[in-house]
Amino acid sequence: MTSLINSDTRIKVSSVLNRDTANYGKQNLIDGSEETCWNTEQGLPQNILLDFPEPVSVESIVFQFQGGFVGKNCIAVGSTPNSPNDYSVEIGRFYPQDINPTQTFDFPATEGLKRVKIIFEESTDFYGRITVYKLDILGKVLDTGSFSV
């Protein structure tokens, strides 16, 4: 398993605290710094959308939240190259602990996905805010030459 997120992966998020993308934007999810984070506005649901350059097989999702601002009822869904806006492929549900350390959530391999959407249906914060210091998606990039859609 390797990281599926690279410089060609497009990331979109549902909101950014005070629209301050410089301090709390999506780039902070994958910058490798323990000092920066993605921080949402209040309200639920919140989500992260990843658009991969090639079809992928998703096996694990890695998060580091700020305790007290954790997505506690989450679902990861995917879409195929033929239907990029139809998130009908369920990768799995997961329930992060309200802690600071990195957490890894493993799933049966879901192959042939072009996009992955992580939806935070609930938060440990009363106002529905979520703070993420680290995000990674692990799996494998599929050989597009042998991949049929």
C-alpha atoms as a PDB file:
ATOM      1  CA  MET A   1       0.000   0.000   0.000  1.00  0.00           C
ATOM      2  CA  THR A   2       1.188   3.452  -0.868  1.00  0.00           C
ATOM      3  CA  SER A   3      -0.163   6.967  -0.589  1.00  0.00           C
ATOM      4  CA  LEU A   4      -2.579   7.746  -3.422  1.00  0.00           C
ATOM      5  CA  ILE A   5      -2.374  11.508  -2.887  1.00  0.00           C
ATOM      6  CA  ASN A   6       0.154  13.306  -5.074  1.00  0.00           C
ATOM      7  CA  SER A   7       0.583  16.692  -6.733  1.00  0.00           C
ATOM      8  CA  ASP A   8      -1.938  15.728  -9.442  1.00  0.00           C
ATOM      9  CA  THR A   9      -4.682  14.890  -6.922  1.00  0.00           C
ATOM     10  CA  ARG A  10      -7.324  17.610  -6.764  1.00  0.00           C
ATOM     11  CA  ILE A  11      -8.830  18.251  -3.335  1.00  0.00           C
ATOM     12  CA  LYS A  12     -12.000  20.166  -2.525  1.00  0.00           C
ATOM     13  CA  VAL A  13     -13.460  20.829   0.922  1.00  0.00           C
ATOM     14  CA  SER A  14     -16.933  21.838   2.037  1.00  0.00           C
ATOM     15  CA  SER A  15     -15.840  24.911   4.015  1.00  0.00           C
ATOM     16  CA  VAL A  16     -12.888  26.762   5.534  1.00  0.00           C
ATOM     17  CA  LEU A  17     -13.018  28.617   8.859  1.00  0.00           C
ATOM     18  CA  ASN A  18     -13.673  32.337   8.218  1.00  0.00           C
ATOM     19  CA  ARG A  19     -12.744  31.653   4.561  1.00  0.00           C
ATOM     20  CA  ASP A  20      -9.130  31.940   5.715  1.00  0.00           C
ATOM     21  CA  THR A  21      -7.653  29.530   3.175  1.00  0.00           C
ATOM     22  CA  ALA A  22      -4.083  30.683   3.881  1.00  0.00           C
ATOM     23  CA  ASN A  23      -4.244  29.458   7.498  1.00  0.00           C
ATOM     24  CA  TYR A  24      -6.969  26.781   7.411  1.00  0.00           C
ATOM     25  CA  GLY A  25      -7.237  25.675   3.778  1.00  0.00           C
ATOM     26  CA  LYS A  26      -7.257  22.259   2.132  1.00  0.00           C
ATOM     27  CA  GLN A  27      -3.519  22.375   1.353  1.00  0.00           C
ATOM     28  CA  ASN A  28      -2.883  21.879   5.069  1.00  0.00           C
ATOM     29  CA  LEU A  29      -4.413  18.391   4.939  1.00  0.00           C
ATOM     30  CA  ILE A  30      -1.418  17.020   3.048  1.00  0.00           C
ATOM     31  CA  ASP A  31       1.485  19.416   3.721  1.00  0.00           C
ATOM     32  CA  GLY A  32       3.133  17.135   6.300  1.00  0.00           C
ATOM     33  CA  SER A  33       3.314  19.865   8.943  1.00  0.00           C
ATOM     34  CA  GLU A  34       2.085  19.282  12.477  1.00  0.00           C
ATOM     35  CA  GLU A  35       1.575  23.050  12.785  1.00  0.00           C
ATOM     36  CA  THR A  36      -1.064  23.487  10.073  1.00  0.00           C
ATOM     37  CA  CYS A  37      -4.607  22.160   9.688  1.00  0.00           C
ATOM     38  CA  TRP A  38      -7.817  22.268   7.706  1.00  0.00           C
ATOM     39  CA  ASN A  39     -10.484  23.835   9.885  1.00  0.00           C
ATOM     40  CA  THR A  40     -14.160  23.961   8.890  1.00  0.00           C
ATOM     41  CA  GLU A  41     -16.880  26.484   9.506  1.00  0.00           C
ATOM     42  CA  GLN A  42     -19.593  25.349  11.901  1.00  0.00           C
ATOM     43  CA  GLY A  43     -22.414  23.180  10.592  1.00  0.00           C
ATOM     44  CA  LEU A  44     -22.834  19.663   9.304  1.00  0.00           C
ATOM     45  CA  PRO A  45     -22.279  17.742   7.182  1.00  0.00           C
ATOM     46  CA  GLN A  46     -18.726  18.621   6.160  1.00  0.00           C
ATOM     47  CA  ASN A  47     -16.731  16.786   3.480  1.00  0.00           C
ATOM     48  CA  ILE A  48     -13.463  16.312   1.669  1.00  0.00           C
ATOM     49  CA  LEU A  49     -13.450  15.360  -2.017  1.00  0.00           C
ATOM     50  CA  LEU A  50     -10.376  13.863  -3.661  1.00  0.00           C
ATOM     51  CA  ASP A  51     -10.159  13.563  -7.448  1.00  0.00           C
ATOM     52  CA  PHE A  52      -7.368  11.217  -8.529  1.00  0.00           C
ATOM     53  CA  PRO A  53      -5.606  11.467 -11.913  1.00  0.00           C
ATOM     54  CA  GLU A  54      -5.876   7.677 -12.427  1.00  0.00           C
ATOM     55  CA  PRO A  55      -8.310   5.027 -11.145  1.00  0.00           C
ATOM     56  CA  VAL A  56      -7.303   3.768  -7.711  1.00  0.00           C
ATOM     57  CA  SER A  57      -7.967   0.991  -5.253  1.00  0.00           C
ATOM     58  CA  VAL A  58      -8.637   2.390  -1.764  1.00  0.00           C
ATOM     59  CA  GLU A  59      -7.605   0.263   1.229  1.00  0.00           C
ATOM     60  CA  SER A  60      -7.103   2.694   4.143  1.00  0.00           C
ATOM     61  CA  ILE A  61      -7.811   6.255   5.210  1.00  0.00           C
ATOM     62  CA  VAL A  62      -5.493   7.975   7.685  1.00  0.00           C
ATOM     63  CA  PHE A  63      -6.523  10.984   9.776  1.00  0.00           C
ATOM     64  CA  GLN A  64      -5.085  13.117  12.517  1.00  0.00           C
ATOM     65  CA  PHE A  65      -7.775  15.277  14.099  1.00  0.00           C
ATOM     66  CA  GLN A  66      -7.651  17.843  16.865  1.00  0.00           C
ATOM     67  CA  GLY A  67      -9.380  16.342  19.876  1.00  0.00           C
ATOM     68  CA  GLY A  68     -12.705  18.043  20.509  1.00  0.00           C
ATOM     69  CA  PHE A  69     -13.125  18.769  16.777  1.00  0.00           C
ATOM     70  CA  VAL A  70     -13.368  15.226  15.396  1.00  0.00           C
ATOM     71  CA  GLY A  71     -15.736  13.837  12.798  1.00  0.00           C
ATOM     72  CA  LYS A  72     -17.378  11.056  14.795  1.00  0.00           C
ATOM     73  CA  ASN A  73     -19.765   9.468  12.301  1.00  0.00           C
ATOM     74  CA  CYS A  74     -18.149   9.296   8.880  1.00  0.00           C
ATOM     75  CA  ILE A  75     -18.632   7.583   5.551  1.00  0.00           C
ATOM     76  CA  ALA A  76     -16.277   7.272   2.602  1.00  0.00           C
ATOM     77  CA  VAL A  77     -17.860   6.866  -0.817  1.00  0.00           C
ATOM     78  CA  GLY A  78     -16.399   6.734  -4.284  1.00  0.00           C
ATOM     79  CA  SER A  79     -17.237   7.213  -7.920  1.00  0.00           C
ATOM     80  CA  THR A  80     -15.960   5.526 -11.068  1.00  0.00           C
ATOM     81  CA  PRO A  81     -14.408   7.144 -14.146  1.00  0.00           C
ATOM     82  CA  ASN A  82     -17.656   6.549 -16.098  1.00  0.00           C
ATOM     83  CA  SER A  83     -19.804   8.274 -13.437  1.00  0.00           C
ATOM     84  CA  PRO A  84     -17.557  10.766 -11.628  1.00  0.00           C
ATOM     85  CA  ASN A  85     -20.439  12.603  -9.922  1.00  0.00           C
ATOM     86  CA  ASP A  86     -22.297   9.481  -8.775  1.00  0.00           C
ATOM     87  CA  TYR A  87     -20.926   8.525  -5.378  1.00  0.00           C
ATOM     88  CA  SER A  88     -22.696   5.166  -5.247  1.00  0.00           C
ATOM     89  CA  VAL A  89     -19.678   3.039  -4.316  1.00  0.00           C
ATOM     90  CA  GLU A  90     -19.530   2.739  -0.537  1.00  0.00           C
ATOM     91  CA  ILE A  91     -15.957   2.343   0.686  1.00  0.00           C
ATOM     92  CA  GLY A  92     -17.053   2.115   4.303  1.00  0.00           C
ATOM     93  CA  ARG A  93     -18.232   3.789   7.473  1.00  0.00           C
ATOM     94  CA  PHE A  94     -15.814   4.695  10.234  1.00  0.00           C
ATOM     95  CA  TYR A  95     -16.024   6.186  13.685  1.00  0.00           C
ATOM     96  CA  PRO A  96     -12.923   8.120  14.772  1.00  0.00           C
ATOM     97  CA  GLN A  97     -12.071   8.466  18.447  1.00  0.00           C
ATOM     98  CA  ASP A  98     -12.057  11.944  19.973  1.00  0.00           C
ATOM     99  CA  ILE A  99      -8.257  11.997  20.287  1.00  0.00           C
ATOM    100  CA  ASN A 100      -5.237  13.780  18.777  1.00  0.00           C
ATOM    101  CA  PRO A 101      -3.050  10.840  17.612  1.00  0.00           C
ATOM    102  CA  THR A 102      -3.151   9.558  14.035  1.00  0.00           C
ATOM    103  CA  GLN A 103      -5.918   7.035  13.335  1.00  0.00           C
ATOM    104  CA  THR A 104      -6.035   4.559  10.442  1.00  0.00           C
ATOM    105  CA  PHE A 105      -9.244   3.040   9.103  1.00  0.00           C
ATOM    106  CA  ASP A 106      -8.921  -0.067   6.946  1.00  0.00           C
ATOM    107  CA  PHE A 107     -11.477  -1.197   4.376  1.00  0.00           C
ATOM    108  CA  PRO A 108     -11.831  -4.055   1.914  1.00  0.00           C
ATOM    109  CA  ALA A 109     -10.086  -2.894  -1.272  1.00  0.00           C
ATOM    110  CA  THR A 110     -12.455  -0.843  -3.431  1.00  0.00           C
ATOM    111  CA  GLU A 111     -11.099  -0.809  -6.987  1.00  0.00           C
ATOM    112  CA  GLY A 112     -11.679   1.427  -9.956  1.00  0.00           C
ATOM    113  CA  LEU A 113     -12.404   4.687  -8.151  1.00  0.00           C
ATOM    114  CA  LYS A 114     -11.733   8.071  -9.717  1.00  0.00           C
ATOM    115  CA  ARG A 115     -13.026  10.160  -6.832  1.00  0.00           C
ATOM    116  CA  VAL A 116     -13.347   9.631  -3.086  1.00  0.00           C
ATOM    117  CA  LYS A 117     -15.640  11.708  -0.909  1.00  0.00           C
ATOM    118  CA  ILE A 118     -15.295  11.602   2.863  1.00  0.00           C
ATOM    119  CA  ILE A 119     -18.423  12.847   4.595  1.00  0.00           C
ATOM    120  CA  PHE A 120     -18.439  13.890   8.244  1.00  0.00           C
ATOM    121  CA  GLU A 121     -22.064  13.440   9.323  1.00  0.00           C
ATOM    122  CA  GLU A 122     -21.420  14.312  12.985  1.00  0.00           C
ATOM    123  CA  SER A 123     -18.731  16.071  14.995  1.00  0.00           C
ATOM    124  CA  THR A 124     -17.588  15.946  18.603  1.00  0.00           C
ATOM    125  CA  ASP A 125     -17.789  19.756  18.557  1.00  0.00           C
ATOM    126  CA  PHE A 126     -21.164  21.172  19.586  1.00  0.00           C
ATOM    127  CA  TYR A 127     -21.112  23.537  16.597  1.00  0.00           C
ATOM    128  CA  GLY A 128     -20.102  20.881  14.068  1.00  0.00           C
ATOM    129  CA  ARG A 129     -16.582  22.136  13.435  1.00  0.00           C
ATOM    130  CA  ILE A 130     -13.867  19.702  12.358  1.00  0.00           C
ATOM    131  CA  THR A 131     -10.091  20.178  12.482  1.00  0.00           C
ATOM    132  CA  VAL A 132      -7.772  17.863  10.528  1.00  0.00           C
ATOM    133  CA  TYR A 133      -3.965  18.019  10.710  1.00  0.00           C
ATOM    134  CA  LYS A 134      -3.285  15.053   8.447  1.00  0.00           C
ATOM    135  CA  LEU A 135      -5.075  13.109   5.732  1.00  0.00           C
ATOM    136  CA  ASP A 136      -3.811  10.249   3.607  1.00  0.00           C
ATOM    137  CA  ILE A 137      -5.505   7.688   1.391  1.00  0.00           C
ATOM    138  CA  LEU A 138      -3.630   4.400   1.033  1.00  0.00           C
ATOM    139  CA  GLY A 139      -4.000   1.766  -1.648  1.00  0.00           C
ATOM    140  CA  LYS A 140      -2.728   1.306  -5.178  1.00  0.00           C
ATOM    141  CA  VAL A 141      -2.985   3.093  -8.492  1.00  0.00           C
ATOM    142  CA  LEU A 142      -4.560   0.815 -11.080  1.00  0.00           C
ATOM    143  CA  ASP A 143      -2.939   0.116 -14.417  1.00  0.00           C
ATOM    144  CA  THR A 144      -5.196   2.015 -16.797  1.00  0.00           C
ATOM    145  CA  GLY A 145      -4.070  -0.179 -19.682  1.00  0.00           C
ATOM    146  CA  SER A 146      -5.703  -3.220 -18.106  1.00  0.00           C
ATOM    147  CA  PHE A 147      -8.573  -1.368 -16.446  1.00  0.00           C
ATOM    148  CA  SER A 148     -11.913  -1.582 -18.212  1.00  0.00           C
ATOM    149  CA  VAL A 149     -14.811   0.706 -17.452  1.00  0.00           C
END
